[in-house]
Amino acid sequence: MKYKYILLSMIQAALFFSCYDLDRKPADALDENSFWKTQTHADQAMMGVYAQMQNDHVFGIQYGFDCLSDIGTGYDDPAYFRISRGTYNSSEDYCARKFANLYEGVARANAVLQNVDKITMSDELKARYKGEARFMRALYYFTLCDFYGGVPLYDETTVVAKDFANMLKPRDTQEAVHEFILKDLDEAARTLPSEWDIPNRGRATRWAALSLKGKTLLYGKKYKEAADVFEEVIKTSGITLYPDYAALFKPGGDESSEMIFAVQNMSGVGTEFGMPMAKYMGTRAAYGSCWNNVMAATTFVDSYEWKDGRPFDWDEFVPGFKNDNKVKDKTFRASLTPDKTKVKAYPSAKEKLLEMYAKRDPRMAASIILPYSRYNGWVSNARKDCEYVVARGVNEKNGFIRINGSMSDSYPWRKFVPEYDMGGSLTNREHTPINFPIIRYADVLLMCAECHNETGNQARAVELINQVRARVEMPGLNSGPEWLKASTKEEVFRRIMHERAVEMAGEGLRFSDLRRWDLLKKLLDGKWEKGFTGAKYYQRVVRDRDYLWPIPIEEIDKNDKLVQNPGW
């Protein structure tokens, strides 16, 4: 069973963030004196720390960050549309809420560290809970540092309810924050178990702590140290890649050991506690009928290789395709009967398209709903087998995939999007019961490859990349044909870039990758996002300032020791 990160809101409010006392305390109220007594209380408090991950502005719509990169696109707030268009400022709500909610996660972790010693239980158990709290505190600080740079450090000596008015520290350097994180993770790795029993599966483990340690070192450009940590995970954890890539993002696969650490999601009447993948990644044919706020970029879908590893080229497939929107439209466009209920005429290229999709990297069809492919939808509270027909007037009630009119010729996600009603386990479109990865084994392999490439060991880097490719039966690099050659540092890096894109599409990591590679502006500034028939949607705007989000102006107003990031 999945371990669910559920904590009553009354516990959160009463224990973590209450700043006042009442003259008369209700008999059933929870406070520090009545709560921190039993191991059950420790579990409840720890679940509150984990639960903060599901906040929309922490990891709750993590997939939306792909829309700020070269692999995603979209509209409306879940796609961070003001940020992608360069119209946001230091008052941007998403920037402010992410900052505040990550610090709320830190405060919850600190509360556990402050109080767990009060509970009567073994020192070993206390150390385990402290290890979990330190891991989570490290994760929240890592994310803060990734988006904002150096931030003020508040450890367990800070009691929010008592010290709130005096929490006016200046920003620590990024290096200092990383050192703090690494110290927490070393302690977590020392005290956390390598695995949990089934009822507790999903809690942080030693391997999660070491994986995040390696990632922190990588982001700090300490490549040798990071490689050593990743290699320890690879060689001693016993963790392997899940054999079925598509199933990894469905119930069952989402609980595999490859998910080194994941947000635990559930649904069900009275137990809704999940992430809104059906709502924002799904189509009008998905459960709950919603628009496609978050989609895959056309240029990204075009980047998937042929199964033999050759780069895909539209002009090779359809002569004149790339530079002629009429050819694009003819390739994809169908027509409907006058009543819009059936297809009148499919494009002549339909069967050729389906054959082409089948001959591409299998991760493409597993991740993307492609034109004229099928999708198991849920329409009008019943199963509906749907087809993605590219035609004007399509409606899910007639068995078609419908895309928002403003971006109608786009690629919707299949990855993480539920089929039918998931056998009754999905009861609310805002709570998809599919676990969402924060760190998974394929990511560890590719991060380790990156570290080896930076230190001159291209051979080991290629070995690790090939492990990821082998899972989907893609040919290994340097296995024969010229197009698979990768020997220089630059060639291997390009392969790492590509592999991270197609392997972890929809997982929200690409935005951070492009920033730490210093490629965000180079690849995106001025880029037009277009549909697959050539329609222009919007033009990207990326400035030097966008490598770090602004410290929210409201935080600076409260603490004048906070120095704003450059350009804001």
Protein backbone atom coordinates (compact mmCIF):
# COMPACT_ATOMS: atom_id res chain seq x y z
CA MET A 1 0.00 0.00 0.00
CA LYS A 2 1.03 3.57 -0.62
CA TYR A 3 1.93 5.59 2.45
CA LYS A 4 -0.26 8.66 2.31
CA TYR A 5 0.87 12.04 3.47
CA ILE A 6 -2.22 13.10 5.35
CA LEU A 7 -2.37 15.40 8.36
CA LEU A 8 -5.47 17.05 9.79
CA SER A 9 -5.53 20.77 9.13
CA MET A 10 -6.31 21.37 12.78
CA ILE A 11 -2.98 19.79 13.72
CA GLN A 12 -1.13 21.90 11.19
CA ALA A 13 -2.69 25.10 12.44
CA ALA A 14 -2.52 24.38 16.14
CA LEU A 15 1.01 23.05 16.33
CA PHE A 16 3.01 24.78 13.67
CA PHE A 17 1.70 28.24 13.06
CA SER A 18 -0.48 29.48 15.89
CA CYS A 19 0.84 32.80 17.25
CA TYR A 20 -1.53 33.44 20.09
CA ASP A 21 -3.11 31.87 23.18
CA LEU A 22 -6.72 32.05 24.25
CA ASP A 23 -7.67 32.70 27.85
CA ARG A 24 -9.79 29.61 27.81
CA LYS A 25 -8.59 26.53 25.94
CA PRO A 26 -11.20 24.10 24.57
CA ALA A 27 -10.89 20.62 26.00
CA ASP A 28 -10.43 19.03 22.57
CA ALA A 29 -7.80 21.53 21.32
CA LEU A 30 -4.35 20.45 20.30
CA ASP A 31 -1.27 22.32 21.41
CA GLU A 32 2.39 21.56 22.10
CA ASN A 33 1.59 20.39 25.62
CA SER A 34 -1.10 17.92 24.60
CA PHE A 35 0.25 16.71 21.26
CA TRP A 36 3.89 15.60 21.35
CA LYS A 37 3.25 12.48 23.45
CA THR A 38 3.18 9.32 21.30
CA GLN A 39 4.68 7.77 18.21
CA THR A 40 1.33 8.33 16.52
CA HIS A 41 1.83 12.04 17.09
CA ALA A 42 5.30 11.82 15.55
CA ASP A 43 3.79 10.09 12.49
CA GLN A 44 1.06 12.71 12.18
CA ALA A 45 3.55 15.54 12.41
CA MET A 46 5.85 13.91 9.85
CA MET A 47 2.94 13.41 7.48
CA GLY A 48 2.35 17.15 7.74
CA VAL A 49 5.90 17.73 6.55
CA TYR A 50 5.41 15.38 3.58
CA ALA A 51 1.95 16.78 2.83
CA GLN A 52 3.34 20.21 2.01
CA MET A 53 4.81 18.76 -1.19
CA GLN A 54 1.34 18.58 -2.70
CA ASN A 55 0.78 22.31 -2.39
CA ASP A 56 0.37 23.70 -5.92
CA HIS A 57 3.25 26.08 -5.34
CA VAL A 58 5.66 23.44 -4.03
CA PHE A 59 5.42 20.32 -6.23
CA GLY A 60 1.65 20.15 -6.80
CA ILE A 61 1.86 21.37 -10.40
CA GLN A 62 5.54 20.54 -10.90
CA TYR A 63 4.78 19.27 -14.42
CA GLY A 64 3.88 22.86 -15.37
CA PHE A 65 7.53 23.90 -15.17
CA ASP A 66 8.12 22.07 -18.44
CA CYS A 67 6.12 24.91 -20.02
CA LEU A 68 8.97 27.24 -19.04
CA SER A 69 11.42 25.07 -20.96
CA ASP A 70 11.89 23.83 -24.52
CA ILE A 71 9.74 20.72 -24.07
CA GLY A 72 6.40 22.14 -22.94
CA THR A 73 3.86 24.79 -23.80
CA GLY A 74 0.52 25.96 -22.53
CA TYR A 75 -1.67 28.76 -21.34
CA ASP A 76 -3.19 30.00 -18.10
CA ASP A 77 -1.64 29.88 -14.64
CA PRO A 78 -0.70 26.15 -14.50
CA ALA A 79 1.59 26.80 -17.48
CA TYR A 80 3.13 29.85 -15.82
CA PHE A 81 2.11 31.86 -18.88
CA ARG A 82 3.15 35.30 -17.58
CA ILE A 83 6.63 33.97 -16.83
CA SER A 84 7.07 32.32 -20.22
CA ARG A 85 6.01 35.56 -21.92
CA GLY A 86 8.25 37.74 -19.74
CA THR A 87 5.41 39.87 -18.33
CA TYR A 88 5.91 39.01 -14.64
CA ASN A 89 7.62 41.11 -11.98
CA SER A 90 8.71 40.90 -8.36
CA SER A 91 5.05 40.89 -7.29
CA GLU A 92 4.25 37.76 -9.31
CA ASP A 93 1.88 35.61 -7.27
CA TYR A 94 3.48 32.29 -8.24
CA CYS A 95 6.93 33.46 -7.21
CA ALA A 96 5.60 34.73 -3.87
CA ARG A 97 3.57 31.63 -3.09
CA LYS A 98 6.34 29.20 -3.97
CA PHE A 99 8.73 31.07 -1.68
CA ALA A 100 6.25 31.15 1.21
CA ASN A 101 5.06 27.56 0.88
CA LEU A 102 8.55 26.13 0.67
CA TYR A 103 9.41 27.96 3.89
CA GLU A 104 6.24 26.54 5.40
CA GLY A 105 7.64 23.10 4.60
CA VAL A 106 10.89 24.08 6.33
CA ALA A 107 8.92 25.24 9.39
CA ARG A 108 7.06 21.93 9.59
CA ALA A 109 10.31 19.98 9.40
CA ASN A 110 11.81 22.20 12.10
CA ALA A 111 8.78 21.56 14.33
CA VAL A 112 9.48 17.82 14.20
CA LEU A 113 13.14 18.37 15.05
CA GLN A 114 12.17 20.67 17.92
CA ASN A 115 9.70 18.33 19.53
CA VAL A 116 10.34 14.67 18.72
CA ASP A 117 12.67 14.23 21.72
CA LYS A 118 9.69 14.94 23.99
CA ILE A 119 8.06 11.66 22.94
CA THR A 120 8.68 8.51 24.92
CA MET A 121 10.16 6.08 22.40
CA SER A 122 13.54 4.59 21.57
CA ASP A 123 16.48 6.72 20.54
CA GLU A 124 16.57 4.76 17.28
CA LEU A 125 13.01 5.78 16.43
CA LYS A 126 13.70 9.41 17.37
CA ALA A 127 16.74 9.40 15.09
CA ARG A 128 14.65 8.00 12.24
CA TYR A 129 12.03 10.73 12.53
CA LYS A 130 14.76 13.35 12.72
CA GLY A 131 16.32 11.82 9.60
CA GLU A 132 13.02 12.14 7.73
CA ALA A 133 12.62 15.74 8.88
CA ARG A 134 16.18 16.60 7.84
CA PHE A 135 15.67 15.04 4.41
CA MET A 136 12.50 17.02 3.85
CA ARG A 137 14.06 20.23 5.13
CA ALA A 138 16.94 19.64 2.72
CA LEU A 139 14.50 19.09 -0.18
CA TYR A 140 12.63 22.31 0.56
CA TYR A 141 15.84 24.32 0.92
CA PHE A 142 17.26 22.76 -2.25
CA THR A 143 14.18 23.91 -4.18
CA LEU A 144 14.35 27.39 -2.64
CA CYS A 145 18.00 27.69 -3.62
CA ASP A 146 17.31 26.39 -7.14
CA PHE A 147 14.67 29.04 -7.84
CA TYR A 148 15.85 32.03 -5.80
CA GLY A 149 19.58 31.51 -5.17
CA GLY A 150 20.87 31.97 -1.64
CA VAL A 151 18.11 32.35 0.97
CA PRO A 152 18.00 32.89 4.75
CA LEU A 153 18.58 29.71 6.73
CA TYR A 154 16.29 28.98 9.66
CA ASP A 155 16.98 25.75 11.51
CA GLU A 156 15.27 24.04 14.44
CA THR A 157 16.44 26.76 16.84
CA THR A 158 13.76 28.98 15.28
CA VAL A 159 10.27 28.48 16.66
CA VAL A 160 7.92 30.19 14.23
CA ALA A 161 5.11 30.79 16.73
CA LYS A 162 7.48 32.57 19.10
CA ASP A 163 10.09 34.08 16.79
CA PHE A 164 7.97 35.14 13.83
CA ALA A 165 8.46 38.88 14.34
CA ASN A 166 12.22 38.45 14.62
CA MET A 167 12.78 36.25 11.57
CA LEU A 168 14.72 38.96 9.76
CA LYS A 169 17.90 37.25 8.67
CA PRO A 170 19.79 38.36 5.57
CA ARG A 171 20.25 35.96 2.68
CA ASP A 172 22.87 33.25 3.05
CA THR A 173 24.98 32.46 0.00
CA GLN A 174 24.07 29.62 -2.32
CA GLU A 175 27.22 27.83 -1.17
CA ALA A 176 26.20 28.17 2.48
CA VAL A 177 22.70 26.85 1.74
CA HIS A 178 24.18 23.88 -0.12
CA GLU A 179 26.49 23.10 2.80
CA PHE A 180 23.51 23.21 5.17
CA ILE A 181 21.60 20.85 2.86
CA LEU A 182 24.51 18.44 2.60
CA LYS A 183 24.88 18.29 6.37
CA ASP A 184 21.18 17.46 6.72
CA LEU A 185 21.41 14.79 4.04
CA ASP A 186 24.48 13.15 5.57
CA GLU A 187 22.61 12.79 8.83
CA ALA A 188 19.49 11.57 7.04
CA ALA A 189 21.46 8.96 5.09
CA ARG A 190 22.99 7.74 8.36
CA THR A 191 19.66 7.27 10.16
CA LEU A 192 17.09 6.43 7.47
CA PRO A 193 16.34 2.83 6.46
CA SER A 194 17.25 1.53 3.01
CA GLU A 195 13.63 0.51 2.58
CA TRP A 196 10.37 0.60 4.50
CA ASP A 197 7.79 -2.08 5.09
CA ILE A 198 4.78 -2.03 2.77
CA PRO A 199 2.45 0.13 4.93
CA ASN A 200 5.18 2.80 5.17
CA ARG A 201 6.39 2.65 1.59
CA GLY A 202 6.84 6.13 0.14
CA ARG A 203 8.69 7.62 3.10
CA ALA A 204 12.20 8.95 2.63
CA THR A 205 14.99 6.37 2.54
CA ARG A 206 18.76 6.34 2.70
CA TRP A 207 18.81 6.17 -1.10
CA ALA A 208 16.57 9.22 -1.40
CA ALA A 209 18.94 11.13 0.89
CA LEU A 210 22.02 10.06 -1.09
CA SER A 211 20.34 10.81 -4.43
CA LEU A 212 19.43 14.32 -3.31
CA LYS A 213 22.96 14.75 -1.95
CA GLY A 214 24.38 13.87 -5.36
CA LYS A 215 21.96 16.27 -7.02
CA THR A 216 22.96 19.08 -4.64
CA LEU A 217 26.65 18.48 -5.41
CA LEU A 218 25.88 18.41 -9.14
CA TYR A 219 24.03 21.72 -8.95
CA GLY A 220 27.02 23.12 -7.07
CA LYS A 221 29.28 21.88 -9.93
CA LYS A 222 31.16 19.52 -7.63
CA TYR A 223 31.11 16.82 -10.26
CA LYS A 224 33.62 14.34 -8.84
CA GLU A 225 31.99 14.32 -5.41
CA ALA A 226 28.53 14.03 -6.99
CA ALA A 227 29.62 11.12 -9.21
CA ASP A 228 30.94 9.24 -6.17
CA VAL A 229 27.61 9.61 -4.37
CA PHE A 230 25.55 8.59 -7.40
CA GLU A 231 27.78 5.57 -7.98
CA GLU A 232 27.14 4.45 -4.43
CA VAL A 233 23.40 4.48 -5.15
CA ILE A 234 23.90 2.70 -8.48
CA LYS A 235 26.24 -0.01 -7.19
CA THR A 236 24.88 -0.73 -3.70
CA SER A 237 21.16 0.14 -3.53
CA GLY A 238 19.83 -2.78 -5.58
CA ILE A 239 17.45 -0.36 -7.30
CA THR A 240 16.79 -1.03 -10.98
CA LEU A 241 14.88 0.53 -13.84
CA TYR A 242 11.24 -0.54 -14.03
CA PRO A 243 10.97 -2.72 -17.16
CA ASP A 244 7.90 -1.00 -18.66
CA TYR A 245 8.38 2.75 -19.23
CA ALA A 246 4.71 3.51 -19.95
CA ALA A 247 3.50 1.55 -16.91
CA LEU A 248 5.92 3.42 -14.65
CA PHE A 249 3.48 6.33 -14.63
CA LYS A 250 0.40 4.28 -13.89
CA PRO A 251 -0.80 2.50 -10.71
CA GLY A 252 1.64 -0.28 -9.86
CA GLY A 253 4.65 1.11 -11.69
CA ASP A 254 4.35 4.32 -9.71
CA GLU A 255 5.14 2.29 -6.56
CA SER A 256 8.22 0.57 -7.99
CA SER A 257 11.68 0.99 -6.53
CA GLU A 258 12.65 3.20 -9.48
CA MET A 259 10.58 5.89 -7.77
CA ILE A 260 13.31 6.62 -5.25
CA PHE A 261 11.18 9.41 -3.80
CA ALA A 262 7.77 10.46 -5.02
CA VAL A 263 4.76 12.48 -3.98
CA GLN A 264 2.21 9.95 -2.77
CA ASN A 265 -1.21 10.60 -4.35
CA MET A 266 -4.65 9.17 -3.76
CA SER A 267 -8.29 9.81 -4.61
CA GLY A 268 -11.61 8.50 -3.44
CA VAL A 269 -14.65 10.04 -1.79
CA GLY A 270 -13.59 11.52 1.53
CA THR A 271 -9.91 10.72 0.95
CA GLU A 272 -9.01 13.11 -1.86
CA PHE A 273 -5.31 13.78 -1.53
CA GLY A 274 -3.64 13.90 -4.91
CA MET A 275 -2.30 16.14 -7.63
CA PRO A 276 -4.39 17.70 -10.45
CA MET A 277 -2.87 15.87 -13.44
CA ALA A 278 -6.32 14.99 -14.84
CA LYS A 279 -7.35 18.64 -14.54
CA TYR A 280 -4.34 20.39 -16.09
CA MET A 281 -2.58 17.73 -18.20
CA GLY A 282 -5.72 15.96 -19.35
CA THR A 283 -8.05 16.79 -22.24
CA ARG A 284 -11.78 17.37 -22.32
CA ALA A 285 -12.00 13.60 -22.75
CA ALA A 286 -10.16 12.96 -19.48
CA TYR A 287 -11.91 12.46 -16.15
CA GLY A 288 -13.54 15.68 -15.02
CA SER A 289 -13.47 17.26 -18.48
CA CYS A 290 -10.89 20.03 -18.44
CA TRP A 291 -8.86 22.03 -20.91
CA ASN A 292 -5.27 21.26 -21.79
CA ASN A 293 -3.52 23.94 -19.74
CA VAL A 294 -0.21 22.08 -19.96
CA MET A 295 0.94 20.41 -23.21
CA ALA A 296 4.06 19.20 -25.00
CA ALA A 297 5.89 21.57 -27.35
CA THR A 298 5.79 20.72 -31.05
CA THR A 299 9.57 21.08 -31.39
CA PHE A 300 10.02 18.64 -28.51
CA VAL A 301 7.77 15.97 -30.03
CA ASP A 302 9.67 16.35 -33.29
CA SER A 303 12.93 15.61 -31.40
CA TYR A 304 12.07 11.95 -30.65
CA GLU A 305 14.39 9.70 -32.67
CA TRP A 306 13.54 6.84 -34.96
CA LYS A 307 13.82 3.46 -33.25
CA ASP A 308 17.23 2.97 -34.88
CA GLY A 309 18.47 6.17 -33.23
CA ARG A 310 18.40 8.36 -36.37
CA PRO A 311 17.21 11.92 -35.90
CA PHE A 312 13.67 12.46 -37.18
CA ASP A 313 13.21 14.91 -40.06
CA TRP A 314 9.73 15.89 -41.25
CA ASP A 315 10.94 16.72 -44.75
CA GLU A 316 12.30 13.19 -45.08
CA PHE A 317 8.89 11.87 -44.12
CA VAL A 318 6.71 14.43 -45.96
CA PRO A 319 8.64 16.52 -48.53
CA GLY A 320 8.18 20.26 -48.01
CA PHE A 321 6.58 19.82 -44.57
CA LYS A 322 8.80 22.07 -42.46
CA ASN A 323 8.43 25.27 -44.46
CA ASP A 324 4.90 25.00 -45.80
CA ASN A 325 1.93 25.27 -43.44
CA LYS A 326 -0.42 24.11 -46.19
CA VAL A 327 1.51 20.82 -46.37
CA LYS A 328 1.35 20.52 -42.58
CA ASP A 329 -2.39 21.12 -42.56
CA LYS A 330 -3.00 18.63 -45.36
CA THR A 331 -0.91 16.02 -43.53
CA PHE A 332 -2.98 16.23 -40.33
CA ARG A 333 -6.41 17.70 -41.15
CA ALA A 334 -9.55 15.55 -41.30
CA SER A 335 -13.13 16.62 -41.94
CA LEU A 336 -16.32 15.72 -40.08
CA THR A 337 -19.84 14.98 -41.21
CA PRO A 338 -22.24 17.97 -41.14
CA ASP A 339 -23.55 16.93 -37.71
CA LYS A 340 -19.92 16.65 -36.37
CA THR A 341 -20.55 13.17 -34.97
CA LYS A 342 -18.33 11.15 -37.34
CA VAL A 343 -15.26 11.50 -39.49
CA LYS A 344 -16.18 12.29 -43.09
CA ALA A 345 -12.65 11.99 -44.46
CA TYR A 346 -9.34 11.21 -42.79
CA PRO A 347 -6.16 12.81 -44.16
CA SER A 348 -4.52 10.67 -46.81
CA ALA A 349 -1.42 10.47 -44.60
CA LYS A 350 -3.25 8.96 -41.61
CA GLU A 351 -1.92 5.41 -41.93
CA LYS A 352 1.51 6.72 -42.80
CA LEU A 353 1.44 8.88 -39.65
CA LEU A 354 0.48 5.93 -37.46
CA GLU A 355 3.26 3.84 -39.01
CA MET A 356 5.73 6.66 -38.38
CA TYR A 357 4.71 6.97 -34.72
CA ALA A 358 5.19 3.22 -34.27
CA LYS A 359 8.74 3.47 -35.61
CA ARG A 360 9.83 6.24 -33.24
CA ASP A 361 11.32 6.08 -29.73
CA PRO A 362 8.62 4.24 -27.70
CA ARG A 363 8.72 6.97 -25.07
CA MET A 364 6.99 9.30 -27.52
CA ALA A 365 3.76 7.29 -27.75
CA ALA A 366 3.95 6.56 -24.00
CA SER A 367 4.20 10.26 -23.17
CA ILE A 368 2.12 12.03 -25.86
CA ILE A 369 -1.39 11.59 -27.29
CA LEU A 370 -0.52 11.69 -30.99
CA PRO A 371 -2.91 12.57 -33.84
CA TYR A 372 -5.10 9.59 -34.79
CA SER A 373 -4.01 7.57 -31.79
CA ARG A 374 -6.58 6.31 -29.26
CA TYR A 375 -7.23 7.33 -25.68
CA ASN A 376 -9.43 5.72 -23.01
CA GLY A 377 -11.55 8.66 -21.91
CA TRP A 378 -14.28 9.30 -19.37
CA VAL A 379 -17.14 11.41 -20.72
CA SER A 380 -20.52 12.12 -19.13
CA ASN A 381 -19.63 9.80 -16.24
CA ALA A 382 -18.99 6.82 -18.48
CA ARG A 383 -16.19 5.18 -20.43
CA LYS A 384 -15.54 6.69 -23.84
CA ASP A 385 -13.02 5.33 -26.33
CA CYS A 386 -11.66 8.43 -28.04
CA GLU A 387 -9.53 9.24 -31.06
CA TYR A 388 -7.38 12.33 -31.51
CA VAL A 389 -8.88 13.55 -34.79
CA VAL A 390 -7.53 16.87 -36.07
CA ALA A 391 -10.67 18.55 -37.36
CA ARG A 392 -12.83 21.57 -36.65
CA GLY A 393 -15.85 20.91 -34.48
CA VAL A 394 -14.60 17.82 -32.64
CA ASN A 395 -16.27 17.04 -29.33
CA GLU A 396 -15.45 14.40 -26.73
CA LYS A 397 -19.12 13.37 -26.58
CA ASN A 398 -18.69 12.03 -30.09
CA GLY A 399 -15.55 10.12 -29.23
CA PHE A 400 -12.95 12.75 -30.19
CA ILE A 401 -10.10 14.39 -28.31
CA ARG A 402 -10.84 18.12 -27.96
CA ILE A 403 -8.09 20.69 -27.44
CA ASN A 404 -8.60 24.27 -26.30
CA GLY A 405 -9.51 26.41 -29.29
CA SER A 406 -6.65 28.84 -28.78
CA MET A 407 -4.05 26.05 -29.09
CA SER A 408 -6.10 23.46 -30.95
CA ASP A 409 -3.29 21.83 -32.94
CA SER A 410 -1.16 20.85 -29.96
CA TYR A 411 0.17 17.64 -28.48
CA PRO A 412 -1.57 16.70 -25.20
CA TRP A 413 0.18 14.62 -22.56
CA ARG A 414 -0.57 10.94 -22.10
CA LYS A 415 2.00 10.48 -19.33
CA PHE A 416 0.38 10.82 -15.86
CA VAL A 417 -3.05 11.32 -17.43
CA PRO A 418 -5.57 8.79 -16.08
CA GLU A 419 -7.50 6.46 -18.38
CA TYR A 420 -11.23 5.95 -17.89
CA ASP A 421 -11.92 6.51 -14.16
CA MET A 422 -8.99 4.32 -13.08
CA GLY A 423 -11.32 1.51 -12.08
CA GLY A 424 -13.22 3.77 -9.71
CA SER A 425 -10.13 4.97 -7.84
CA LEU A 426 -10.40 8.45 -9.39
CA THR A 427 -13.32 10.41 -7.96
CA ASN A 428 -12.11 14.01 -8.23
CA ARG A 429 -10.23 15.54 -11.16
CA GLU A 430 -8.04 17.52 -8.77
CA HIS A 431 -6.71 14.39 -7.10
CA THR A 432 -5.21 11.94 -9.57
CA PRO A 433 -4.03 8.82 -7.67
CA ILE A 434 -0.74 8.38 -9.56
CA ASN A 435 2.45 8.99 -7.58
CA PHE A 436 4.59 11.80 -8.98
CA PRO A 437 8.38 11.34 -8.98
CA ILE A 438 10.70 13.81 -7.30
CA ILE A 439 13.76 11.58 -7.76
CA ARG A 440 13.76 8.37 -9.76
CA TYR A 441 16.51 5.97 -10.74
CA ALA A 442 16.71 6.97 -14.42
CA ASP A 443 17.35 10.54 -13.27
CA VAL A 444 20.17 9.30 -11.02
CA LEU A 445 21.75 7.42 -13.95
CA LEU A 446 21.63 10.48 -16.18
CA MET A 447 22.87 12.87 -13.50
CA CYS A 448 25.75 10.48 -12.84
CA ALA A 449 26.47 10.38 -16.58
CA GLU A 450 26.60 14.17 -16.61
CA CYS A 451 29.11 14.20 -13.76
CA HIS A 452 31.38 11.68 -15.47
CA ASN A 453 31.21 13.62 -18.71
CA GLU A 454 32.27 16.79 -16.90
CA THR A 455 35.26 15.01 -15.35
CA GLY A 456 36.44 13.47 -18.61
CA ASN A 457 35.11 9.93 -18.29
CA GLN A 458 32.98 9.86 -21.42
CA ALA A 459 33.05 6.06 -21.59
CA ARG A 460 31.29 5.67 -18.22
CA ALA A 461 28.86 8.45 -19.13
CA VAL A 462 27.86 6.59 -22.28
CA GLU A 463 27.44 3.34 -20.31
CA LEU A 464 24.95 5.02 -18.01
CA ILE A 465 23.04 6.72 -20.83
CA ASN A 466 22.78 3.38 -22.60
CA GLN A 467 21.19 1.77 -19.55
CA VAL A 468 18.33 4.25 -19.82
CA ARG A 469 17.99 3.76 -23.58
CA ALA A 470 18.07 -0.03 -23.27
CA ARG A 471 14.91 -0.03 -21.11
CA VAL A 472 12.90 1.12 -24.17
CA GLU A 473 15.02 -0.90 -26.63
CA MET A 474 16.66 2.15 -28.15
CA PRO A 475 20.11 1.36 -29.59
CA GLY A 476 23.11 2.20 -27.47
CA LEU A 477 25.38 5.10 -28.26
CA ASN A 478 28.55 4.11 -30.12
CA SER A 479 26.93 0.83 -31.16
CA GLY A 480 27.60 1.08 -34.90
CA PRO A 481 25.93 3.68 -37.13
CA GLU A 482 27.47 7.13 -37.45
CA TRP A 483 24.38 8.83 -36.05
CA LEU A 484 24.94 7.04 -32.71
CA LYS A 485 28.49 8.33 -32.31
CA ALA A 486 29.24 10.13 -29.04
CA SER A 487 32.83 10.35 -27.86
CA THR A 488 33.75 13.98 -27.16
CA LYS A 489 32.55 15.93 -24.16
CA GLU A 490 30.33 18.09 -26.37
CA GLU A 491 28.81 15.09 -28.17
CA VAL A 492 28.05 13.28 -24.92
CA PHE A 493 26.55 16.41 -23.39
CA ARG A 494 24.17 16.79 -26.34
CA ARG A 495 23.12 13.17 -25.79
CA ILE A 496 22.53 13.81 -22.10
CA MET A 497 20.41 16.85 -22.96
CA HIS A 498 18.31 14.81 -25.36
CA GLU A 499 17.97 11.80 -23.09
CA ARG A 500 16.91 13.88 -20.10
CA ALA A 501 14.27 15.56 -22.25
CA VAL A 502 12.62 12.42 -23.66
CA GLU A 503 13.06 10.30 -20.52
CA MET A 504 11.70 12.80 -18.01
CA ALA A 505 9.23 14.73 -20.10
CA GLY A 506 6.27 15.95 -18.06
CA GLU A 507 8.16 15.67 -14.77
CA GLY A 508 9.00 19.37 -14.54
CA LEU A 509 12.81 19.08 -14.42
CA ARG A 510 13.75 20.69 -17.74
CA PHE A 511 13.42 24.30 -16.57
CA SER A 512 16.01 23.73 -13.85
CA ASP A 513 18.23 21.82 -16.29
CA LEU A 514 18.30 24.68 -18.80
CA ARG A 515 19.04 27.24 -16.13
CA ARG A 516 21.95 25.32 -14.58
CA TRP A 517 23.33 24.64 -18.09
CA ASP A 518 23.07 28.38 -18.87
CA LEU A 519 20.94 27.56 -21.92
CA LEU A 520 17.56 29.03 -20.96
CA LYS A 521 17.98 32.33 -22.80
CA LYS A 522 19.92 30.88 -25.74
CA LEU A 523 17.29 28.23 -26.53
CA LEU A 524 14.09 30.09 -25.70
CA ASP A 525 14.33 33.87 -26.07
CA GLY A 526 12.38 34.87 -29.17
CA LYS A 527 11.19 31.31 -29.88
CA TRP A 528 7.67 31.06 -31.30
CA GLU A 529 5.54 28.28 -29.87
CA LYS A 530 3.53 26.79 -32.72
CA GLY A 531 1.02 24.04 -33.31
CA PHE A 532 1.93 21.03 -35.44
CA THR A 533 0.07 22.62 -38.39
CA GLY A 534 2.21 25.76 -38.07
CA ALA A 535 -0.20 28.08 -36.23
CA LYS A 536 1.63 30.62 -34.05
CA TYR A 537 0.61 30.68 -30.37
CA TYR A 538 3.00 33.01 -28.57
CA GLN A 539 6.62 34.17 -28.56
CA ARG A 540 8.94 33.44 -25.66
CA VAL A 541 10.70 36.21 -23.76
CA VAL A 542 13.71 35.30 -21.60
CA ARG A 543 16.03 37.83 -19.99
CA ASP A 544 19.22 37.39 -17.96
CA ARG A 545 17.18 38.06 -14.82
CA ASP A 546 15.03 34.97 -15.42
CA TYR A 547 17.73 32.55 -14.31
CA LEU A 548 16.63 33.33 -10.76
CA TRP A 549 13.12 34.24 -9.74
CA PRO A 550 12.69 37.49 -7.81
CA ILE A 551 12.64 37.49 -4.04
CA PRO A 552 8.96 38.36 -3.52
CA ILE A 553 8.56 42.07 -2.91
CA GLU A 554 6.26 41.35 0.02
CA GLU A 555 9.09 39.42 1.71
CA ILE A 556 11.47 42.35 1.20
CA ASP A 557 8.83 44.71 2.62
CA LYS A 558 8.76 42.56 5.78
CA ASN A 559 12.53 42.08 5.95
CA ASP A 560 14.67 44.89 4.57
CA LYS A 561 17.80 42.75 5.02
CA LEU A 562 16.77 40.71 1.96
CA VAL A 563 18.67 41.83 -1.15
CA GLN A 564 16.83 41.44 -4.44
CA ASN A 565 18.18 39.23 -7.23
CA PRO A 566 19.89 40.97 -10.19
CA GLY A 567 17.61 42.55 -12.78
CA TRP A 568 14.54 42.79 -10.56
